[in-house]
Amino acid sequence: QADGKTPISTYDAYIRPLAAKVEAAGNPIYKNMKVVSVERDASGRSVVLAAGGYGANLQMVKKYNDISVTVTSNSPATTGEVLEEAVAAGAGLTGMEWIQIHPHGNPKNGELESTIAARPSDTPYVNCDGLRFVDETGRRDEISYGILKQTGQVAFSIYDQRTIEEKKIESAIAHGYAFKADTLEDLARQAGIDWKNFEKTMKAYNEASVSQNTKSLPVPKILIGNPVVKAPFYAVPITTTIHHTMGGLRINEKTQILDKNGNVIPGLYAACEITGGIHGTNRVGGNAVLDCFVFGQIAGENAAKEVA
């Protein structure tokens, strides 16, 4: 955030300036190109595969992980064809069953709504029955799998005006699909949440927030913050969305692609989300950017040396 206020996308912050340097050095960038196949030859050329994961290819997702998620926060270009073409050319795979899911997906399109889902410490997540079902400050995957068990695979992030003021987040209602009301009862009516259960849930939650003791809650919470008491109140529908695929092509420390037996495939490199084994079973938030820069640079340097 250059001015401390305005968000900067990963594209604007990293990709655009790097692309400008590449083009300024006289190297063309071909866009909207389709990879038909990855073929092995003896021409001495090197290729770096960096086509992303397969989060937007639900058939591949079902193939490697039979998870009942139908939306993704990832780029629509992460369709996995390049990965599969590399496998057809002999590349090995690792960790394909590990897919990171995120609980802050927009039920309409899967896009992340973390900026308006409020802060977990202040925010109870309730289902359509008006009941909490998970520790909101727990791991992403635990919350995500909890949401998958709820009716319609949807939950509601509940918070008040104070949370918006303190977190300095944009009003959820501005996104066009959240709910806003001057009373919790009206909020429940708008969102289709069972009011009787919701009333009990919020009463218990607010009491625990004031006393800072969550032992009395049906679902405990490691870290609890402010009570939800300052009108207007907000309910943001959230669902589980595919966020990152940890599995992919096997590589070594030089980013050379390995076959299924661990042997180097000459001239073939890979970096970023198309690779596997970098993030284990659950990627730590933000580490994918580091992954791209570290292994992307290694891949570029080694591929250039090979053809020098």
Protein backbone atom coordinates (compact mmCIF):
# COMPACT_ATOMS: atom_id res chain seq x y z
CA GLN A 1 0.00 0.00 0.00
CA ALA A 2 1.97 2.92 -1.31
CA ASP A 3 -0.14 5.56 0.44
CA GLY A 4 -1.00 3.43 3.46
CA LYS A 5 -4.62 3.24 2.38
CA THR A 6 -5.06 1.99 -1.15
CA PRO A 7 -4.66 -1.79 -1.74
CA ILE A 8 -2.17 -2.75 -4.44
CA SER A 9 -2.84 -5.97 -6.31
CA THR A 10 -0.09 -8.54 -6.75
CA TYR A 11 -0.20 -7.83 -10.47
CA ASP A 12 0.33 -4.08 -10.07
CA ALA A 13 2.96 -4.46 -7.37
CA TYR A 14 5.08 -7.21 -8.88
CA ILE A 15 4.12 -8.54 -12.28
CA ARG A 16 3.56 -5.28 -14.16
CA PRO A 17 6.96 -3.71 -13.32
CA LEU A 18 8.84 -6.96 -13.99
CA ALA A 19 7.04 -7.42 -17.31
CA ALA A 20 7.99 -3.87 -18.27
CA LYS A 21 11.67 -4.66 -17.65
CA VAL A 22 11.47 -7.84 -19.71
CA GLU A 23 9.95 -6.00 -22.65
CA ALA A 24 12.35 -3.07 -22.29
CA ALA A 25 15.21 -5.54 -22.68
CA GLY A 26 13.79 -6.55 -26.06
CA ASN A 27 12.06 -9.75 -25.02
CA PRO A 28 8.50 -10.16 -26.28
CA ILE A 29 5.74 -11.44 -24.01
CA TYR A 30 3.10 -13.43 -25.85
CA LYS A 31 -0.28 -13.32 -24.10
CA ASN A 32 -3.41 -15.45 -24.38
CA MET A 33 -1.38 -18.34 -25.72
CA LYS A 34 -2.53 -21.96 -25.38
CA VAL A 35 0.03 -24.66 -24.58
CA VAL A 36 -0.82 -27.64 -26.77
CA SER A 37 1.92 -30.01 -25.61
CA VAL A 38 5.28 -30.28 -23.85
CA GLU A 39 7.72 -32.21 -26.03
CA ARG A 40 11.21 -33.47 -25.33
CA ASP A 41 13.93 -32.91 -27.92
CA ALA A 42 17.70 -32.56 -28.12
CA SER A 43 17.87 -29.01 -29.40
CA GLY A 44 19.50 -27.64 -26.25
CA ARG A 45 16.64 -25.29 -25.48
CA SER A 46 15.39 -24.81 -21.93
CA VAL A 47 11.79 -24.30 -20.87
CA VAL A 48 10.47 -23.00 -17.55
CA LEU A 49 6.92 -24.03 -16.70
CA ALA A 50 5.13 -21.52 -14.48
CA ALA A 51 1.50 -21.93 -15.48
CA GLY A 52 0.02 -22.05 -11.99
CA GLY A 53 -1.99 -24.76 -10.29
CA TYR A 54 -5.27 -26.45 -11.13
CA GLY A 55 -7.69 -24.80 -8.70
CA ALA A 56 -9.98 -23.60 -11.50
CA ASN A 57 -10.24 -27.07 -13.07
CA LEU A 58 -12.91 -28.80 -11.00
CA GLN A 59 -12.46 -32.07 -12.89
CA MET A 60 -8.81 -32.19 -11.84
CA VAL A 61 -9.76 -31.21 -8.31
CA LYS A 62 -12.18 -34.13 -8.14
CA LYS A 63 -9.55 -36.42 -9.68
CA TYR A 64 -6.95 -35.76 -7.01
CA ASN A 65 -9.09 -34.69 -4.05
CA ASP A 66 -12.75 -35.63 -3.92
CA ILE A 67 -13.74 -32.40 -2.19
CA SER A 68 -17.23 -30.96 -2.57
CA VAL A 69 -16.16 -27.40 -3.42
CA THR A 70 -17.38 -25.86 -6.66
CA VAL A 71 -15.85 -22.37 -6.60
CA THR A 72 -12.33 -21.00 -6.52
CA SER A 73 -10.65 -17.77 -5.52
CA ASN A 74 -7.78 -18.57 -7.84
CA SER A 75 -7.20 -17.19 -11.32
CA PRO A 76 -9.50 -18.66 -14.00
CA ALA A 77 -6.29 -19.52 -15.85
CA THR A 78 -5.24 -22.11 -13.24
CA THR A 79 -6.67 -25.02 -15.20
CA GLY A 80 -3.79 -27.48 -14.97
CA GLU A 81 -3.37 -28.41 -18.65
CA VAL A 82 0.33 -27.51 -18.69
CA LEU A 83 0.89 -29.62 -15.62
CA GLU A 84 -0.78 -32.62 -17.25
CA GLU A 85 1.15 -32.10 -20.49
CA ALA A 86 4.37 -32.13 -18.46
CA VAL A 87 3.30 -35.43 -16.90
CA ALA A 88 2.64 -36.80 -20.39
CA ALA A 89 6.23 -35.84 -21.22
CA GLY A 90 7.50 -37.84 -18.24
CA ALA A 91 7.36 -35.41 -15.31
CA GLY A 92 6.65 -36.76 -11.84
CA LEU A 93 4.06 -35.45 -9.39
CA THR A 94 4.01 -34.92 -5.65
CA GLY A 95 1.38 -33.89 -3.11
CA MET A 96 -1.49 -33.67 -5.59
CA GLU A 97 -4.02 -34.59 -2.91
CA TRP A 98 -3.27 -31.43 -0.91
CA ILE A 99 -5.56 -28.55 -1.81
CA GLN A 100 -5.88 -25.46 0.37
CA ILE A 101 -9.43 -24.24 0.84
CA HIS A 102 -10.40 -20.87 2.29
CA PRO A 103 -13.50 -20.02 4.35
CA HIS A 104 -13.99 -16.46 3.06
CA GLY A 105 -15.32 -17.23 -0.42
CA ASN A 106 -18.14 -15.25 -1.97
CA PRO A 107 -20.97 -17.80 -2.46
CA LYS A 108 -21.72 -16.29 -5.87
CA ASN A 109 -18.29 -16.55 -7.48
CA GLY A 110 -15.74 -17.91 -5.01
CA GLU A 111 -13.74 -14.67 -4.83
CA LEU A 112 -12.16 -13.93 -1.47
CA GLU A 113 -14.08 -11.55 0.79
CA SER A 114 -11.58 -11.49 3.65
CA THR A 115 -11.54 -7.69 3.58
CA ILE A 116 -15.22 -7.57 4.51
CA ALA A 117 -15.53 -10.81 6.50
CA ALA A 118 -14.31 -8.84 9.56
CA ARG A 119 -11.71 -9.98 12.07
CA PRO A 120 -12.23 -13.49 13.44
CA SER A 121 -11.70 -12.51 17.08
CA ASP A 122 -14.72 -10.16 17.02
CA THR A 123 -16.87 -12.14 14.65
CA PRO A 124 -19.09 -15.16 15.26
CA TYR A 125 -19.79 -17.38 12.27
CA VAL A 126 -23.30 -18.82 12.35
CA ASN A 127 -25.18 -21.21 10.07
CA CYS A 128 -28.73 -20.87 8.79
CA ASP A 129 -29.93 -22.34 12.08
CA GLY A 130 -28.39 -19.42 13.94
CA LEU A 131 -25.74 -21.56 15.64
CA ARG A 132 -21.96 -21.23 15.87
CA PHE A 133 -20.19 -24.36 14.66
CA VAL A 134 -16.46 -23.64 14.67
CA ASP A 135 -13.75 -21.61 16.39
CA GLU A 136 -13.52 -18.56 14.13
CA THR A 137 -9.86 -18.01 15.09
CA GLY A 138 -8.86 -21.55 14.09
CA ARG A 139 -7.06 -22.74 10.98
CA ARG A 140 -8.46 -21.92 7.56
CA ASP A 141 -8.95 -25.56 6.66
CA GLU A 142 -10.76 -26.35 9.92
CA ILE A 143 -13.20 -23.48 9.36
CA SER A 144 -13.58 -24.37 5.69
CA TYR A 145 -14.45 -28.00 6.37
CA GLY A 146 -16.85 -26.80 9.06
CA ILE A 147 -18.67 -24.64 6.52
CA LEU A 148 -18.91 -27.58 4.10
CA LYS A 149 -21.00 -29.42 6.69
CA GLN A 150 -23.56 -26.61 7.00
CA THR A 151 -26.84 -26.30 5.09
CA GLY A 152 -26.10 -24.95 1.63
CA GLN A 153 -22.37 -24.91 2.52
CA VAL A 154 -22.86 -21.30 3.60
CA ALA A 155 -22.18 -19.49 6.87
CA PHE A 156 -22.63 -15.88 7.94
CA SER A 157 -19.95 -13.63 9.40
CA ILE A 158 -21.74 -11.44 11.97
CA TYR A 159 -20.33 -8.12 13.20
CA ASP A 160 -21.26 -4.58 14.06
CA GLN A 161 -20.43 -1.00 13.17
CA ARG A 162 -17.60 -0.83 15.72
CA THR A 163 -15.76 -3.61 13.93
CA ILE A 164 -15.97 -1.66 10.68
CA GLU A 165 -14.72 1.51 12.40
CA GLU A 166 -11.86 -0.20 14.22
CA LYS A 167 -10.72 -2.39 11.35
CA LYS A 168 -11.22 0.40 8.83
CA ILE A 169 -12.85 -2.01 6.41
CA GLU A 170 -15.25 -1.08 3.68
CA SER A 171 -18.91 -1.56 4.53
CA ALA A 172 -19.93 -5.08 3.55
CA ILE A 173 -23.22 -3.82 2.16
CA ALA A 174 -21.30 -1.94 -0.56
CA HIS A 175 -20.44 -5.30 -2.16
CA GLY A 176 -24.07 -5.88 -2.96
CA TYR A 177 -24.73 -9.27 -1.43
CA ALA A 178 -24.33 -8.80 2.33
CA PHE A 179 -27.02 -7.79 4.82
CA LYS A 180 -27.30 -4.76 7.10
CA ALA A 181 -29.87 -3.97 9.79
CA ASP A 182 -30.39 -1.81 12.87
CA THR A 183 -31.30 -4.84 15.01
CA LEU A 184 -30.02 -8.39 15.17
CA GLU A 185 -33.57 -9.68 14.74
CA ASP A 186 -34.03 -7.78 11.49
CA LEU A 187 -30.59 -8.96 10.37
CA ALA A 188 -31.63 -12.56 10.95
CA ARG A 189 -34.86 -12.03 9.02
CA GLN A 190 -33.04 -10.53 6.03
CA ALA A 191 -30.38 -13.25 5.92
CA GLY A 192 -32.76 -16.15 6.50
CA ILE A 193 -31.22 -17.12 9.85
CA ASP A 194 -33.34 -18.79 12.54
CA TRP A 195 -34.00 -15.92 14.96
CA LYS A 196 -34.68 -17.87 18.17
CA ASN A 197 -31.41 -19.77 17.99
CA PHE A 198 -29.54 -16.72 16.73
CA GLU A 199 -30.81 -14.63 19.64
CA LYS A 200 -29.49 -17.20 22.13
CA THR A 201 -26.22 -17.55 20.25
CA MET A 202 -25.54 -13.81 20.20
CA LYS A 203 -26.52 -13.36 23.86
CA ALA A 204 -24.08 -16.06 24.94
CA TYR A 205 -21.40 -14.79 22.59
CA ASN A 206 -21.65 -11.20 23.79
CA GLU A 207 -21.58 -12.25 27.44
CA ALA A 208 -18.46 -14.31 26.80
CA SER A 209 -16.89 -11.34 25.00
CA VAL A 210 -17.52 -9.06 27.97
CA SER A 211 -16.26 -11.57 30.55
CA GLN A 212 -13.45 -12.79 28.26
CA ASN A 213 -14.36 -16.34 29.25
CA THR A 214 -15.42 -18.69 26.49
CA LYS A 215 -15.77 -21.87 28.56
CA SER A 216 -19.54 -21.46 28.69
CA LEU A 217 -19.86 -21.33 24.89
CA PRO A 218 -21.09 -24.52 23.16
CA VAL A 219 -18.23 -24.03 20.69
CA PRO A 220 -15.13 -22.63 22.49
CA LYS A 221 -12.99 -19.88 20.99
CA ILE A 222 -9.26 -19.45 21.52
CA LEU A 223 -9.29 -15.68 21.09
CA ILE A 224 -12.42 -13.60 21.63
CA GLY A 225 -12.62 -9.86 21.16
CA ASN A 226 -15.40 -7.28 21.22
CA PRO A 227 -19.10 -8.06 21.69
CA VAL A 228 -21.41 -7.44 18.72
CA VAL A 229 -23.53 -4.62 20.14
CA LYS A 230 -23.17 -1.41 18.11
CA ALA A 231 -25.77 -0.90 15.38
CA PRO A 232 -25.97 -1.23 12.47
CA PHE A 233 -25.21 -4.94 12.26
CA TYR A 234 -23.82 -6.88 9.30
CA ALA A 235 -24.08 -10.43 8.01
CA VAL A 236 -21.68 -11.45 5.24
CA PRO A 237 -22.43 -14.81 3.57
CA ILE A 238 -19.24 -16.85 3.20
CA THR A 239 -18.49 -20.24 1.68
CA THR A 240 -15.53 -22.55 1.22
CA THR A 241 -13.48 -21.77 -1.87
CA ILE A 242 -10.46 -23.45 -3.47
CA HIS A 243 -7.53 -21.15 -2.80
CA HIS A 244 -4.24 -22.90 -3.61
CA THR A 245 -3.10 -26.29 -4.85
CA MET A 246 -0.04 -27.43 -2.93
CA GLY A 247 0.68 -30.42 -5.17
CA GLY A 248 2.34 -30.33 -8.58
CA LEU A 249 5.46 -31.21 -10.53
CA ARG A 250 8.44 -32.69 -8.71
CA ILE A 251 11.48 -30.40 -8.75
CA ASN A 252 14.87 -30.28 -7.06
CA GLU A 253 16.64 -27.32 -5.45
CA LYS A 254 17.70 -26.13 -8.93
CA THR A 255 14.01 -26.19 -10.02
CA GLN A 256 14.79 -28.93 -12.53
CA ILE A 257 11.74 -31.11 -13.14
CA LEU A 258 12.16 -34.71 -12.04
CA ASP A 259 10.51 -37.79 -13.45
CA LYS A 260 8.58 -40.23 -11.25
CA ASN A 261 11.84 -42.00 -10.38
CA GLY A 262 13.55 -38.78 -9.26
CA ASN A 263 15.74 -38.36 -12.34
CA VAL A 264 16.29 -34.92 -13.87
CA ILE A 265 14.53 -34.19 -17.16
CA PRO A 266 17.12 -32.14 -19.11
CA GLY A 267 16.11 -28.64 -20.12
CA LEU A 268 12.84 -28.62 -18.21
CA TYR A 269 12.29 -26.37 -15.20
CA ALA A 270 9.29 -25.32 -13.14
CA ALA A 271 8.43 -22.68 -10.56
CA CYS A 272 5.50 -21.36 -8.54
CA GLU A 273 2.14 -23.09 -8.04
CA ILE A 274 2.65 -25.64 -10.81
CA THR A 275 5.22 -27.30 -8.54
CA GLY A 276 4.60 -29.54 -5.55
CA GLY A 277 6.40 -30.19 -2.28
CA ILE A 278 7.12 -26.53 -1.48
CA HIS A 279 4.31 -25.82 0.99
CA GLY A 280 3.65 -29.26 2.43
CA THR A 281 0.02 -29.99 3.23
CA ASN A 282 -1.13 -26.45 4.06
CA ARG A 283 0.43 -23.29 2.62
CA VAL A 284 1.08 -20.47 5.09
CA GLY A 285 -0.68 -17.27 3.96
CA GLY A 286 1.56 -14.98 1.88
CA ASN A 287 4.25 -17.59 1.27
CA ALA A 288 3.21 -18.22 -2.32
CA VAL A 289 4.60 -14.81 -3.34
CA LEU A 290 7.96 -15.71 -1.76
CA ASP A 291 7.77 -19.09 -3.49
CA CYS A 292 7.29 -17.40 -6.88
CA PHE A 293 10.15 -14.95 -6.46
CA VAL A 294 12.70 -17.39 -5.03
CA PHE A 295 12.11 -20.36 -7.31
CA GLY A 296 11.21 -18.18 -10.28
CA GLN A 297 14.60 -16.51 -10.12
CA ILE A 298 16.42 -19.81 -9.62
CA ALA A 299 14.59 -21.32 -12.58
CA GLY A 300 15.35 -18.37 -14.84
CA GLU A 301 19.02 -18.28 -13.95
CA ASN A 302 19.56 -22.02 -14.35
CA ALA A 303 17.61 -22.26 -17.56
CA ALA A 304 19.65 -19.38 -19.03
CA LYS A 305 22.96 -21.04 -18.01
CA GLU A 306 21.94 -24.25 -19.73
CA VAL A 307 21.55 -22.61 -23.11
CA ALA A 308 24.40 -20.12 -22.75
